[in-house]
């Protein structure tokens, strides 16, 4: 399936990307190859295949909560643009 430069420019605009002319041409070709492959996959008979979320069987992969030491205020505020009295200072958004 051919992808034209206008479609690549549209996707780049939606993605907030600035692409050069060479990149647009390369991405048009690459996206065309990807869509050709997806189109080929669509020809397969998947009527007996149950839909799945993951390609492999996964169980709950979260860890147990563990109590630990808190981060010291000085360290937490170290990279804050502004702080006041041990708290993050943010711009007012409500009058």
N, C-alpha and C. Protein backbone atom coordinates (compact mmCIF):
# COMPACT_ATOMS: atom_id res chain seq x y z
N UNK A 1 0.85 -1.17 0.00
CA UNK A 1 0.00 0.00 0.00
C UNK A 1 0.89 1.23 0.00
N UNK A 2 0.69 2.08 -0.93
CA UNK A 2 1.53 3.26 -1.06
C UNK A 2 1.06 4.37 -0.11
N UNK A 3 2.00 4.99 0.54
CA UNK A 3 1.75 6.13 1.41
C UNK A 3 2.39 7.34 0.73
N UNK A 4 1.63 8.41 0.58
CA UNK A 4 2.22 9.58 -0.06
C UNK A 4 2.78 10.55 0.98
N UNK A 5 3.54 11.50 0.51
CA UNK A 5 4.21 12.45 1.38
C UNK A 5 3.21 13.25 2.21
N UNK A 6 2.05 13.56 1.65
CA UNK A 6 1.04 14.33 2.38
C UNK A 6 0.56 13.57 3.62
N UNK A 7 0.42 12.25 3.50
CA UNK A 7 0.00 11.45 4.65
C UNK A 7 1.10 11.42 5.72
N UNK A 8 2.35 11.32 5.29
CA UNK A 8 3.47 11.36 6.24
C UNK A 8 3.50 12.72 6.93
N UNK A 9 3.29 13.80 6.18
CA UNK A 9 3.28 15.13 6.78
C UNK A 9 2.15 15.26 7.79
N UNK A 10 0.99 14.67 7.48
CA UNK A 10 -0.14 14.72 8.40
C UNK A 10 0.17 13.98 9.71
N UNK A 11 0.74 12.80 9.59
CA UNK A 11 1.11 12.02 10.79
C UNK A 11 2.19 12.76 11.57
N UNK A 12 3.15 13.35 10.88
CA UNK A 12 4.20 14.11 11.55
C UNK A 12 3.61 15.32 12.28
N UNK A 13 2.63 15.98 11.66
CA UNK A 13 1.97 17.11 12.31
C UNK A 13 1.25 16.66 13.57
N UNK A 14 0.51 15.56 13.49
CA UNK A 14 -0.21 15.04 14.66
C UNK A 14 0.76 14.62 15.76
N UNK A 15 1.94 14.15 15.37
CA UNK A 15 2.95 13.70 16.33
C UNK A 15 3.86 14.82 16.79
N UNK A 16 3.63 16.01 16.27
CA UNK A 16 4.46 17.18 16.59
C UNK A 16 5.93 16.95 16.24
N UNK A 17 6.14 16.36 15.05
CA UNK A 17 7.50 16.09 14.57
C UNK A 17 7.82 16.98 13.38
N UNK A 18 9.04 17.45 13.33
CA UNK A 18 9.51 18.18 12.15
C UNK A 18 10.40 17.24 11.36
N UNK A 19 10.02 16.98 10.13
CA UNK A 19 10.77 16.06 9.29
C UNK A 19 11.31 16.79 8.07
N UNK A 20 12.50 16.42 7.66
CA UNK A 20 13.07 16.94 6.43
C UNK A 20 12.50 16.17 5.24
N UNK A 21 12.76 16.68 4.04
CA UNK A 21 12.24 16.04 2.83
C UNK A 21 12.75 14.62 2.68
N UNK A 22 14.02 14.39 3.00
CA UNK A 22 14.60 13.05 2.90
C UNK A 22 13.92 12.09 3.88
N UNK A 23 13.67 12.57 5.10
CA UNK A 23 13.01 11.73 6.11
C UNK A 23 11.58 11.41 5.70
N UNK A 24 10.87 12.39 5.14
CA UNK A 24 9.49 12.15 4.71
C UNK A 24 9.44 11.06 3.65
N UNK A 25 10.37 11.11 2.71
CA UNK A 25 10.40 10.10 1.65
C UNK A 25 10.71 8.72 2.24
N UNK A 26 11.67 8.68 3.16
CA UNK A 26 12.05 7.40 3.77
C UNK A 26 10.89 6.83 4.58
N UNK A 27 10.23 7.68 5.37
CA UNK A 27 9.11 7.20 6.18
C UNK A 27 7.93 6.77 5.32
N UNK A 28 7.70 7.45 4.21
CA UNK A 28 6.62 7.05 3.30
C UNK A 28 6.87 5.63 2.80
N UNK A 29 8.12 5.35 2.42
CA UNK A 29 8.47 4.01 1.94
C UNK A 29 8.33 2.97 3.06
N UNK A 30 8.86 3.30 4.24
CA UNK A 30 8.81 2.35 5.36
C UNK A 30 7.38 2.08 5.82
N UNK A 31 6.57 3.13 5.93
CA UNK A 31 5.18 2.94 6.33
C UNK A 31 4.41 2.13 5.29
N UNK A 32 4.74 2.32 4.03
CA UNK A 32 4.12 1.52 2.97
C UNK A 32 4.43 0.04 3.13
N UNK A 33 5.69 -0.27 3.45
CA UNK A 33 6.09 -1.67 3.68
C UNK A 33 5.35 -2.26 4.88
N UNK A 34 5.22 -1.47 5.95
CA UNK A 34 4.52 -1.96 7.15
C UNK A 34 3.06 -2.26 6.82
N UNK A 35 2.41 -1.37 6.11
CA UNK A 35 1.00 -1.58 5.76
C UNK A 35 0.83 -2.75 4.80
N UNK A 36 1.78 -2.96 3.91
CA UNK A 36 1.73 -4.14 3.03
C UNK A 36 1.78 -5.41 3.86
N UNK A 37 2.65 -5.44 4.87
CA UNK A 37 2.77 -6.62 5.73
C UNK A 37 1.49 -6.85 6.52
N UNK A 38 0.91 -5.79 7.06
CA UNK A 38 -0.34 -5.92 7.82
C UNK A 38 -1.45 -6.41 6.89
N UNK A 39 -1.47 -5.93 5.68
CA UNK A 39 -2.47 -6.38 4.71
C UNK A 39 -2.31 -7.87 4.42
N UNK A 40 -1.06 -8.33 4.33
CA UNK A 40 -0.79 -9.75 4.10
C UNK A 40 -1.28 -10.58 5.30
N UNK A 41 -1.08 -10.07 6.52
CA UNK A 41 -1.56 -10.77 7.71
C UNK A 41 -3.08 -10.88 7.71
N UNK A 42 -3.75 -9.91 7.14
CA UNK A 42 -5.20 -9.92 7.07
C UNK A 42 -5.75 -11.05 6.21
N UNK A 43 -4.93 -11.65 5.38
CA UNK A 43 -5.36 -12.75 4.53
C UNK A 43 -5.43 -14.07 5.28
N UNK A 44 -4.84 -14.13 6.47
CA UNK A 44 -4.83 -15.37 7.24
C UNK A 44 -6.20 -15.66 7.83
N UNK A 45 -6.54 -16.96 7.91
CA UNK A 45 -7.79 -17.37 8.54
C UNK A 45 -7.57 -17.43 10.04
N UNK A 46 -8.18 -16.51 10.77
CA UNK A 46 -8.03 -16.46 12.22
C UNK A 46 -9.35 -16.76 12.93
N UNK A 47 -10.26 -17.42 12.23
CA UNK A 47 -11.58 -17.67 12.80
C UNK A 47 -11.52 -18.57 14.04
N UNK A 48 -10.53 -19.45 14.13
CA UNK A 48 -10.43 -20.34 15.28
C UNK A 48 -9.46 -19.85 16.35
N UNK A 49 -8.97 -18.63 16.21
CA UNK A 49 -7.99 -18.10 17.15
C UNK A 49 -8.70 -17.17 18.13
N UNK A 50 -8.54 -17.48 19.41
CA UNK A 50 -9.18 -16.66 20.44
C UNK A 50 -8.39 -15.35 20.63
N UNK A 51 -9.09 -14.22 20.71
CA UNK A 51 -8.39 -12.94 20.93
C UNK A 51 -7.62 -12.95 22.24
N UNK A 52 -6.51 -12.23 22.27
CA UNK A 52 -5.71 -12.18 23.49
C UNK A 52 -5.16 -10.77 23.69
N UNK A 53 -4.78 -10.50 24.92
CA UNK A 53 -4.22 -9.20 25.26
C UNK A 53 -2.71 -9.22 25.10
N UNK A 54 -2.06 -10.30 25.52
CA UNK A 54 -0.61 -10.43 25.44
C UNK A 54 -0.26 -11.67 24.61
N UNK A 55 0.90 -11.60 23.99
CA UNK A 55 1.35 -12.74 23.18
C UNK A 55 1.77 -13.92 24.03
N UNK A 56 2.13 -13.66 25.28
CA UNK A 56 2.50 -14.73 26.20
C UNK A 56 1.59 -14.65 27.42
N UNK A 57 1.42 -15.78 28.10
CA UNK A 57 0.58 -15.82 29.28
C UNK A 57 1.26 -15.06 30.40
N UNK A 58 0.58 -14.07 30.94
CA UNK A 58 1.15 -13.25 32.01
C UNK A 58 0.24 -13.27 33.22
N UNK A 59 0.85 -13.30 34.36
CA UNK A 59 0.13 -13.19 35.61
C UNK A 59 0.39 -11.80 36.18
N UNK A 60 -0.18 -11.52 37.33
CA UNK A 60 0.02 -10.23 37.96
C UNK A 60 1.52 -10.00 38.17
N UNK A 61 2.04 -8.95 37.57
CA UNK A 61 3.48 -8.71 37.63
C UNK A 61 3.82 -7.55 38.56
N UNK A 62 2.85 -7.11 39.36
CA UNK A 62 3.14 -6.04 40.30
C UNK A 62 3.85 -6.59 41.53
N UNK A 63 4.58 -5.75 42.19
CA UNK A 63 5.30 -6.17 43.39
C UNK A 63 4.46 -5.85 44.62
N UNK A 64 4.78 -6.49 45.72
CA UNK A 64 4.12 -6.19 46.99
C UNK A 64 4.59 -4.83 47.49
N UNK A 65 3.69 -4.11 48.15
CA UNK A 65 4.07 -2.85 48.77
C UNK A 65 5.01 -3.13 49.93
N UNK A 66 6.01 -2.29 50.05
CA UNK A 66 6.96 -2.44 51.16
C UNK A 66 7.17 -1.07 51.80
N UNK A 67 7.10 -1.02 53.10
CA UNK A 67 7.32 0.21 53.83
C UNK A 67 8.80 0.55 53.77
N UNK A 68 9.10 1.80 53.47
CA UNK A 68 10.49 2.22 53.41
C UNK A 68 10.63 3.63 53.95
N UNK A 69 11.85 4.12 53.96
CA UNK A 69 12.10 5.47 54.44
C UNK A 69 11.59 6.48 53.44
N UNK A 70 11.08 7.61 53.95
CA UNK A 70 10.62 8.70 53.10
C UNK A 70 11.81 9.46 52.53
N UNK A 71 11.58 10.12 51.43
CA UNK A 71 12.59 10.95 50.81
C UNK A 71 12.72 12.24 51.62
N UNK A 72 13.92 12.64 52.00
CA UNK A 72 14.07 13.90 52.75
C UNK A 72 13.58 15.10 51.93
N UNK A 73 13.00 16.10 52.62
CA UNK A 73 12.47 17.28 51.93
C UNK A 73 13.52 17.93 51.03
N UNK A 74 14.72 18.06 51.53
CA UNK A 74 15.77 18.73 50.76
C UNK A 74 16.03 18.02 49.44
N UNK A 75 16.04 16.70 49.49
CA UNK A 75 16.29 15.94 48.27
C UNK A 75 15.10 16.01 47.32
N UNK A 76 13.89 15.96 47.86
CA UNK A 76 12.69 16.04 47.03
C UNK A 76 12.60 17.38 46.33
N UNK A 77 13.00 18.45 47.00
CA UNK A 77 12.89 19.80 46.46
C UNK A 77 14.13 20.24 45.68
N UNK A 78 15.15 19.39 45.62
CA UNK A 78 16.42 19.77 45.01
C UNK A 78 16.26 20.26 43.56
N UNK A 79 15.45 19.60 42.76
CA UNK A 79 15.29 19.97 41.35
C UNK A 79 14.04 20.80 41.08
N UNK A 80 13.34 21.22 42.12
CA UNK A 80 12.13 22.02 41.94
C UNK A 80 12.51 23.40 41.41
N UNK A 81 11.79 23.91 40.41
CA UNK A 81 12.08 25.26 39.92
C UNK A 81 11.93 26.31 41.02
N UNK A 82 10.91 26.14 41.88
CA UNK A 82 10.71 27.05 42.99
C UNK A 82 10.16 26.27 44.18
N UNK A 83 10.55 26.70 45.38
CA UNK A 83 10.00 26.10 46.59
C UNK A 83 9.83 27.20 47.62
N UNK A 84 8.96 26.94 48.57
CA UNK A 84 8.71 27.91 49.63
C UNK A 84 8.30 27.16 50.89
N UNK A 85 9.01 27.40 51.97
CA UNK A 85 8.71 26.80 53.27
C UNK A 85 8.62 25.28 53.21
N UNK A 86 9.52 24.66 52.47
CA UNK A 86 9.58 23.21 52.40
C UNK A 86 8.54 22.57 51.49
N UNK A 87 7.92 23.38 50.62
CA UNK A 87 6.89 22.86 49.70
C UNK A 87 7.21 23.28 48.27
N UNK A 88 6.68 22.54 47.31
CA UNK A 88 6.79 22.95 45.91
C UNK A 88 5.97 24.21 45.70
N UNK A 89 6.49 25.16 44.98
CA UNK A 89 5.75 26.38 44.66
C UNK A 89 5.37 26.31 43.18
N UNK A 90 4.06 26.40 42.92
CA UNK A 90 3.56 26.28 41.56
C UNK A 90 2.76 27.53 41.20
N UNK A 91 2.58 27.80 39.91
CA UNK A 91 1.80 28.97 39.51
C UNK A 91 0.34 28.84 39.93
N UNK A 92 -0.26 29.95 40.29
CA UNK A 92 -1.68 29.98 40.65
C UNK A 92 -2.49 29.71 39.39
N UNK A 93 -3.48 28.83 39.50
CA UNK A 93 -4.34 28.54 38.34
C UNK A 93 -5.79 28.90 38.61
N UNK A 94 -6.14 29.20 39.84
CA UNK A 94 -7.49 29.59 40.19
C UNK A 94 -7.45 30.98 40.81
N UNK A 95 -8.33 31.85 40.37
CA UNK A 95 -8.37 33.21 40.94
C UNK A 95 -8.96 33.22 42.32
